[in-house]
Amino acid sequence: MLVTEQEIQEIKKFVLQLNSMKDSIVAVEGKRDASALKRLGFSGEVIEFHRFGGIVNFADYVSRYEKIIILFDRDRKGRYLTGKTIQLLQRRTKIDLSFKRKLTSITNGKIRFTEQLICYESYLV
């Protein structure tokens, strides 16, 4: 994948902004998504949707956080999970989709799956 210098700088800024969100938890779909974020330098708490055995269990768990940052994939399943999560949590906690939109903007839509962020790792070290 062709990576520009601007993308690298924007990804660095993205990770710093994500790290500065102290009262939040980041939600991803699976293990590889969480691993990719950690390898890019994210130091906050990440939860994996697939560990909860369903959307209701997931929503009940994350509702105790003040804010949830959703970084589900941009495929059909990820969009469905995002919609259902918003529906279940809309009056229980704050939901932040701005980081998902920033990621799309930074990569010009090249990154559809959070785990693909791993391609930036060698540029950030």
N, C-alpha and C. Protein backbone atom coordinates (compact mmCIF):
# COMPACT_ATOMS: atom_id res chain seq x y z
N MET A 1 0.85 -1.17 0.00
CA MET A 1 0.00 0.00 0.00
C MET A 1 0.89 1.24 0.00
N LEU A 2 0.60 2.18 -0.87
CA LEU A 2 1.35 3.42 -0.95
C LEU A 2 0.96 4.34 0.21
N VAL A 3 1.96 4.77 0.95
CA VAL A 3 1.73 5.60 2.13
C VAL A 3 2.45 6.92 1.94
N THR A 4 1.73 8.04 2.12
CA THR A 4 2.34 9.35 1.96
C THR A 4 2.86 9.88 3.30
N GLU A 5 3.76 10.83 3.21
CA GLU A 5 4.31 11.45 4.42
C GLU A 5 3.21 12.14 5.22
N GLN A 6 2.26 12.75 4.54
CA GLN A 6 1.16 13.42 5.21
C GLN A 6 0.32 12.41 6.01
N GLU A 7 0.07 11.25 5.42
CA GLU A 7 -0.69 10.20 6.12
C GLU A 7 0.04 9.78 7.39
N ILE A 8 1.34 9.61 7.30
CA ILE A 8 2.14 9.19 8.46
C ILE A 8 2.01 10.21 9.58
N GLN A 9 2.15 11.50 9.23
CA GLN A 9 2.03 12.56 10.23
C GLN A 9 0.62 12.59 10.84
N GLU A 10 -0.38 12.42 10.00
CA GLU A 10 -1.77 12.43 10.46
C GLU A 10 -2.07 11.22 11.35
N ILE A 11 -1.51 10.07 11.04
CA ILE A 11 -1.71 8.87 11.86
C ILE A 11 -1.05 9.09 13.22
N LYS A 12 0.13 9.70 13.24
CA LYS A 12 0.80 10.00 14.52
C LYS A 12 -0.10 10.90 15.38
N LYS A 13 -0.65 11.93 14.74
CA LYS A 13 -1.53 12.86 15.45
C LYS A 13 -2.80 12.14 15.92
N PHE A 14 -3.32 11.26 15.08
CA PHE A 14 -4.51 10.48 15.41
C PHE A 14 -4.29 9.66 16.68
N VAL A 15 -3.15 8.96 16.76
CA VAL A 15 -2.83 8.13 17.92
C VAL A 15 -2.65 8.99 19.16
N LEU A 16 -1.99 10.15 19.02
CA LEU A 16 -1.82 11.06 20.16
C LEU A 16 -3.17 11.55 20.67
N GLN A 17 -4.06 11.91 19.76
CA GLN A 17 -5.40 12.36 20.16
C GLN A 17 -6.17 11.24 20.85
N LEU A 18 -6.05 10.05 20.31
CA LEU A 18 -6.72 8.89 20.90
C LEU A 18 -6.19 8.64 22.31
N ASN A 19 -4.87 8.76 22.49
CA ASN A 19 -4.25 8.57 23.80
C ASN A 19 -4.68 9.65 24.80
N SER A 20 -5.02 10.83 24.31
CA SER A 20 -5.40 11.93 25.22
C SER A 20 -6.82 11.80 25.75
N MET A 21 -7.59 10.88 25.23
CA MET A 21 -8.98 10.68 25.65
C MET A 21 -9.01 9.80 26.89
N LYS A 22 -8.73 10.39 28.05
CA LYS A 22 -8.55 9.62 29.29
C LYS A 22 -9.85 9.03 29.85
N ASP A 23 -10.97 9.67 29.63
CA ASP A 23 -12.23 9.21 30.21
C ASP A 23 -12.99 8.27 29.26
N SER A 24 -12.28 7.75 28.27
CA SER A 24 -12.94 6.97 27.22
C SER A 24 -12.37 5.56 27.13
N ILE A 25 -13.13 4.74 26.43
CA ILE A 25 -12.69 3.40 26.09
C ILE A 25 -12.88 3.25 24.58
N VAL A 26 -11.95 2.57 23.94
CA VAL A 26 -12.03 2.36 22.49
C VAL A 26 -12.57 0.95 22.24
N ALA A 27 -13.58 0.87 21.40
CA ALA A 27 -14.19 -0.42 21.07
C ALA A 27 -13.82 -0.80 19.64
N VAL A 28 -13.29 -2.01 19.49
CA VAL A 28 -12.96 -2.57 18.18
C VAL A 28 -13.65 -3.92 18.07
N GLU A 29 -13.61 -4.49 16.88
CA GLU A 29 -14.31 -5.76 16.68
C GLU A 29 -13.56 -6.95 17.24
N GLY A 30 -12.25 -7.03 17.01
CA GLY A 30 -11.54 -8.23 17.41
C GLY A 30 -10.11 -8.02 17.85
N LYS A 31 -9.45 -9.15 18.09
CA LYS A 31 -8.10 -9.20 18.62
C LYS A 31 -7.09 -8.49 17.72
N ARG A 32 -7.16 -8.72 16.41
CA ARG A 32 -6.20 -8.10 15.49
C ARG A 32 -6.36 -6.59 15.42
N ASP A 33 -7.60 -6.10 15.56
CA ASP A 33 -7.84 -4.66 15.59
C ASP A 33 -7.18 -4.04 16.82
N ALA A 34 -7.38 -4.67 17.97
CA ALA A 34 -6.78 -4.17 19.22
C ALA A 34 -5.26 -4.20 19.13
N SER A 35 -4.72 -5.28 18.57
CA SER A 35 -3.28 -5.42 18.42
C SER A 35 -2.71 -4.32 17.53
N ALA A 36 -3.38 -4.03 16.43
CA ALA A 36 -2.90 -2.99 15.51
C ALA A 36 -2.84 -1.64 16.21
N LEU A 37 -3.86 -1.30 16.99
CA LEU A 37 -3.86 -0.02 17.72
C LEU A 37 -2.71 0.03 18.71
N LYS A 38 -2.51 -1.04 19.45
CA LYS A 38 -1.43 -1.08 20.45
C LYS A 38 -0.07 -0.95 19.78
N ARG A 39 0.10 -1.61 18.65
CA ARG A 39 1.40 -1.57 17.95
C ARG A 39 1.68 -0.19 17.36
N LEU A 40 0.65 0.61 17.14
CA LEU A 40 0.85 1.97 16.64
C LEU A 40 1.17 2.95 17.78
N GLY A 41 1.04 2.48 19.02
CA GLY A 41 1.36 3.33 20.15
C GLY A 41 0.19 3.74 21.00
N PHE A 42 -0.99 3.18 20.74
CA PHE A 42 -2.14 3.51 21.58
C PHE A 42 -1.95 2.88 22.95
N SER A 43 -2.10 3.68 23.99
CA SER A 43 -1.84 3.20 25.35
C SER A 43 -3.09 3.13 26.22
N GLY A 44 -4.23 3.49 25.67
CA GLY A 44 -5.46 3.46 26.45
C GLY A 44 -6.09 2.09 26.49
N GLU A 45 -7.30 2.05 27.01
CA GLU A 45 -8.01 0.78 27.15
C GLU A 45 -8.79 0.46 25.87
N VAL A 46 -8.63 -0.75 25.39
CA VAL A 46 -9.32 -1.23 24.20
C VAL A 46 -10.16 -2.44 24.59
N ILE A 47 -11.40 -2.46 24.14
CA ILE A 47 -12.22 -3.65 24.36
C ILE A 47 -12.60 -4.23 23.01
N GLU A 48 -12.69 -5.54 22.98
CA GLU A 48 -13.01 -6.25 21.75
C GLU A 48 -14.45 -6.74 21.81
N PHE A 49 -15.22 -6.34 20.83
CA PHE A 49 -16.63 -6.70 20.77
C PHE A 49 -16.84 -8.22 20.86
N HIS A 50 -16.02 -8.98 20.16
CA HIS A 50 -16.25 -10.42 20.05
C HIS A 50 -16.03 -11.18 21.36
N ARG A 51 -15.51 -10.54 22.37
CA ARG A 51 -15.32 -11.21 23.67
C ARG A 51 -16.60 -11.24 24.52
N PHE A 52 -17.63 -10.56 24.06
CA PHE A 52 -18.82 -10.39 24.90
C PHE A 52 -19.98 -11.32 24.57
N GLY A 53 -19.90 -12.06 23.50
CA GLY A 53 -20.95 -13.01 23.17
C GLY A 53 -22.28 -12.37 22.83
N GLY A 54 -22.23 -11.22 22.22
CA GLY A 54 -23.47 -10.58 21.77
C GLY A 54 -23.50 -9.09 22.04
N ILE A 55 -24.33 -8.43 21.28
CA ILE A 55 -24.39 -6.96 21.34
C ILE A 55 -24.98 -6.46 22.65
N VAL A 56 -25.92 -7.18 23.23
CA VAL A 56 -26.54 -6.74 24.48
C VAL A 56 -25.53 -6.81 25.63
N ASN A 57 -24.78 -7.90 25.72
CA ASN A 57 -23.74 -8.01 26.75
C ASN A 57 -22.69 -6.92 26.58
N PHE A 58 -22.31 -6.68 25.34
CA PHE A 58 -21.33 -5.63 25.03
C PHE A 58 -21.85 -4.26 25.48
N ALA A 59 -23.08 -3.94 25.10
CA ALA A 59 -23.68 -2.64 25.45
C ALA A 59 -23.80 -2.48 26.96
N ASP A 60 -24.19 -3.53 27.65
CA ASP A 60 -24.30 -3.46 29.11
C ASP A 60 -22.94 -3.17 29.75
N TYR A 61 -21.89 -3.80 29.23
CA TYR A 61 -20.56 -3.60 29.79
C TYR A 61 -20.05 -2.18 29.54
N VAL A 62 -20.13 -1.71 28.30
CA VAL A 62 -19.54 -0.40 27.97
C VAL A 62 -20.37 0.77 28.48
N SER A 63 -21.60 0.54 28.86
CA SER A 63 -22.45 1.64 29.33
C SER A 63 -21.94 2.25 30.63
N ARG A 64 -21.06 1.56 31.33
CA ARG A 64 -20.52 2.11 32.58
C ARG A 64 -19.41 3.14 32.34
N TYR A 65 -18.95 3.26 31.10
CA TYR A 65 -17.93 4.25 30.76
C TYR A 65 -18.59 5.56 30.38
N GLU A 66 -17.89 6.65 30.64
CA GLU A 66 -18.43 7.97 30.33
C GLU A 66 -18.55 8.17 28.82
N LYS A 67 -17.55 7.67 28.08
CA LYS A 67 -17.55 7.84 26.63
C LYS A 67 -16.95 6.61 25.97
N ILE A 68 -17.55 6.20 24.85
CA ILE A 68 -17.03 5.08 24.08
C ILE A 68 -16.68 5.57 22.68
N ILE A 69 -15.46 5.26 22.27
CA ILE A 69 -14.99 5.60 20.92
C ILE A 69 -15.10 4.33 20.09
N ILE A 70 -15.95 4.37 19.09
CA ILE A 70 -16.19 3.19 18.27
C ILE A 70 -15.28 3.21 17.04
N LEU A 71 -14.50 2.16 16.90
CA LEU A 71 -13.63 2.00 15.73
C LEU A 71 -13.90 0.66 15.04
N PHE A 72 -15.18 0.35 14.89
CA PHE A 72 -15.54 -0.87 14.18
C PHE A 72 -15.17 -0.70 12.70
N ASP A 73 -15.01 -1.82 12.02
CA ASP A 73 -14.62 -1.79 10.61
C ASP A 73 -15.67 -1.10 9.75
N ARG A 74 -15.25 -0.75 8.53
CA ARG A 74 -16.15 -0.06 7.62
C ARG A 74 -16.79 -1.01 6.62
N ASP A 75 -16.84 -2.28 6.95
CA ASP A 75 -17.53 -3.24 6.11
C ASP A 75 -18.99 -3.33 6.54
N ARG A 76 -19.74 -4.19 5.90
CA ARG A 76 -21.17 -4.31 6.20
C ARG A 76 -21.43 -4.66 7.67
N LYS A 77 -20.68 -5.63 8.17
CA LYS A 77 -20.85 -6.07 9.55
C LYS A 77 -20.48 -4.96 10.53
N GLY A 78 -19.39 -4.26 10.26
CA GLY A 78 -18.96 -3.16 11.14
C GLY A 78 -19.97 -2.03 11.18
N ARG A 79 -20.55 -1.72 10.03
CA ARG A 79 -21.58 -0.65 9.99
C ARG A 79 -22.82 -1.09 10.76
N TYR A 80 -23.19 -2.38 10.64
CA TYR A 80 -24.33 -2.90 11.38
C TYR A 80 -24.08 -2.81 12.89
N LEU A 81 -22.89 -3.26 13.32
CA LEU A 81 -22.56 -3.22 14.75
C LEU A 81 -22.53 -1.79 15.28
N THR A 82 -22.02 -0.88 14.48
CA THR A 82 -21.99 0.53 14.89
C THR A 82 -23.41 1.04 15.10
N GLY A 83 -24.28 0.76 14.15
CA GLY A 83 -25.68 1.21 14.24
C GLY A 83 -26.39 0.62 15.45
N LYS A 84 -26.22 -0.68 15.67
CA LYS A 84 -26.89 -1.32 16.82
C LYS A 84 -26.33 -0.80 18.14
N THR A 85 -25.02 -0.58 18.20
CA THR A 85 -24.40 -0.07 19.42
C THR A 85 -24.94 1.32 19.74
N ILE A 86 -25.02 2.16 18.73
CA ILE A 86 -25.57 3.51 18.93
C ILE A 86 -27.00 3.42 19.43
N GLN A 87 -27.78 2.55 18.80
CA GLN A 87 -29.18 2.38 19.19
C GLN A 87 -29.31 1.94 20.65
N LEU A 88 -28.48 1.00 21.08
CA LEU A 88 -28.58 0.48 22.45
C LEU A 88 -27.99 1.42 23.50
N LEU A 89 -27.06 2.27 23.10
CA LEU A 89 -26.35 3.10 24.08
C LEU A 89 -26.70 4.58 24.03
N GLN A 90 -27.56 4.99 23.13
CA GLN A 90 -27.77 6.40 22.90
C GLN A 90 -28.16 7.22 24.14
N ARG A 91 -28.81 6.64 25.09
CA ARG A 91 -29.18 7.40 26.29
C ARG A 91 -28.40 6.96 27.53
N ARG A 92 -27.44 6.06 27.33
CA ARG A 92 -26.72 5.51 28.47
C ARG A 92 -25.29 6.05 28.60
N THR A 93 -24.68 6.42 27.49
CA THR A 93 -23.30 6.91 27.49
C THR A 93 -23.07 7.73 26.23
N LYS A 94 -21.97 8.48 26.21
CA LYS A 94 -21.63 9.25 25.01
C LYS A 94 -20.92 8.35 24.02
N ILE A 95 -21.27 8.50 22.77
CA ILE A 95 -20.67 7.70 21.70
C ILE A 95 -19.91 8.64 20.78
N ASP A 96 -18.64 8.32 20.54
CA ASP A 96 -17.78 9.16 19.70
C ASP A 96 -17.43 8.41 18.42
N LEU A 97 -17.91 8.93 17.30
CA LEU A 97 -17.59 8.35 16.00
C LEU A 97 -16.58 9.21 15.24
N SER A 98 -16.13 10.30 15.86
CA SER A 98 -15.25 11.23 15.17
C SER A 98 -13.92 10.59 14.78
N PHE A 99 -13.41 9.67 15.60
CA PHE A 99 -12.13 9.03 15.28
C PHE A 99 -12.28 8.09 14.08
N LYS A 100 -13.43 7.47 13.97
CA LYS A 100 -13.69 6.60 12.82
C LYS A 100 -13.71 7.43 11.54
N ARG A 101 -14.34 8.61 11.61
CA ARG A 101 -14.38 9.50 10.44
C ARG A 101 -12.99 10.06 10.12
N LYS A 102 -12.21 10.41 11.18
CA LYS A 102 -10.85 10.91 10.97
C LYS A 102 -10.00 9.88 10.26
N LEU A 103 -10.12 8.64 10.65
CA LEU A 103 -9.34 7.56 10.05
C LEU A 103 -9.66 7.41 8.56
N THR A 104 -10.92 7.51 8.22
CA THR A 104 -11.33 7.44 6.82
C THR A 104 -10.75 8.61 6.05
N SER A 105 -10.82 9.79 6.65
CA SER A 105 -10.30 10.99 6.00
C SER A 105 -8.78 10.93 5.82
N ILE A 106 -8.06 10.56 6.87
CA ILE A 106 -6.60 10.50 6.83
C ILE A 106 -6.11 9.56 5.74
N THR A 107 -6.73 8.40 5.64
CA THR A 107 -6.26 7.36 4.71
C THR A 107 -6.98 7.42 3.36
N ASN A 108 -7.80 8.42 3.16
CA ASN A 108 -8.58 8.55 1.92
C ASN A 108 -9.37 7.29 1.60
N GLY A 109 -9.87 6.64 2.65
CA GLY A 109 -10.71 5.45 2.48
C GLY A 109 -9.95 4.16 2.23
N LYS A 110 -8.61 4.21 2.22
CA LYS A 110 -7.81 3.00 1.96
C LYS A 110 -7.96 1.98 3.08
N ILE A 111 -8.11 2.46 4.31
CA ILE A 111 -8.22 1.57 5.46
C ILE A 111 -9.70 1.30 5.73
N ARG A 112 -10.13 0.08 5.47
CA ARG A 112 -11.51 -0.31 5.72
C ARG A 112 -11.65 -1.11 7.00
N PHE A 113 -10.54 -1.74 7.39
CA PHE A 113 -10.53 -2.59 8.58
C PHE A 113 -9.47 -2.05 9.53
N THR A 114 -9.81 -1.93 10.80
CA THR A 114 -8.90 -1.37 11.78
C THR A 114 -7.57 -2.12 11.80
N GLU A 115 -7.61 -3.41 11.61
CA GLU A 115 -6.37 -4.19 11.64
C GLU A 115 -5.40 -3.79 10.52
N GLN A 116 -5.89 -3.14 9.46
CA GLN A 116 -5.02 -2.70 8.37
C GLN A 116 -4.10 -1.55 8.80
N LEU A 117 -4.37 -0.93 9.92
CA LEU A 117 -3.51 0.15 10.42
C LEU A 117 -2.09 -0.34 10.67
N ILE A 118 -1.92 -1.63 10.78
CA ILE A 118 -0.61 -2.22 11.03
C ILE A 118 0.39 -1.83 9.93
N CYS A 119 -0.09 -1.50 8.75
CA CYS A 119 0.81 -1.12 7.65
C CYS A 119 1.55 0.19 7.95
N TYR A 120 1.09 0.97 8.92
CA TYR A 120 1.76 2.22 9.30
C TYR A 120 2.80 2.01 10.40
N GLU A 121 2.83 0.84 10.99
CA GLU A 121 3.71 0.60 12.15
C GLU A 121 5.17 0.90 11.85
N SER A 122 5.68 0.44 10.74
CA SER A 122 7.12 0.62 10.44
C SER A 122 7.47 2.10 10.24
N TYR A 123 6.51 2.92 9.88
CA TYR A 123 6.75 4.35 9.67
C TYR A 123 6.71 5.14 10.97
N LEU A 124 6.08 4.60 12.00
CA LEU A 124 5.88 5.33 13.25
C LEU A 124 6.92 5.02 14.30
N VAL A 125 7.70 3.97 14.10
CA VAL A 125 8.68 3.55 15.11
C VAL A 125 9.93 4.41 15.04
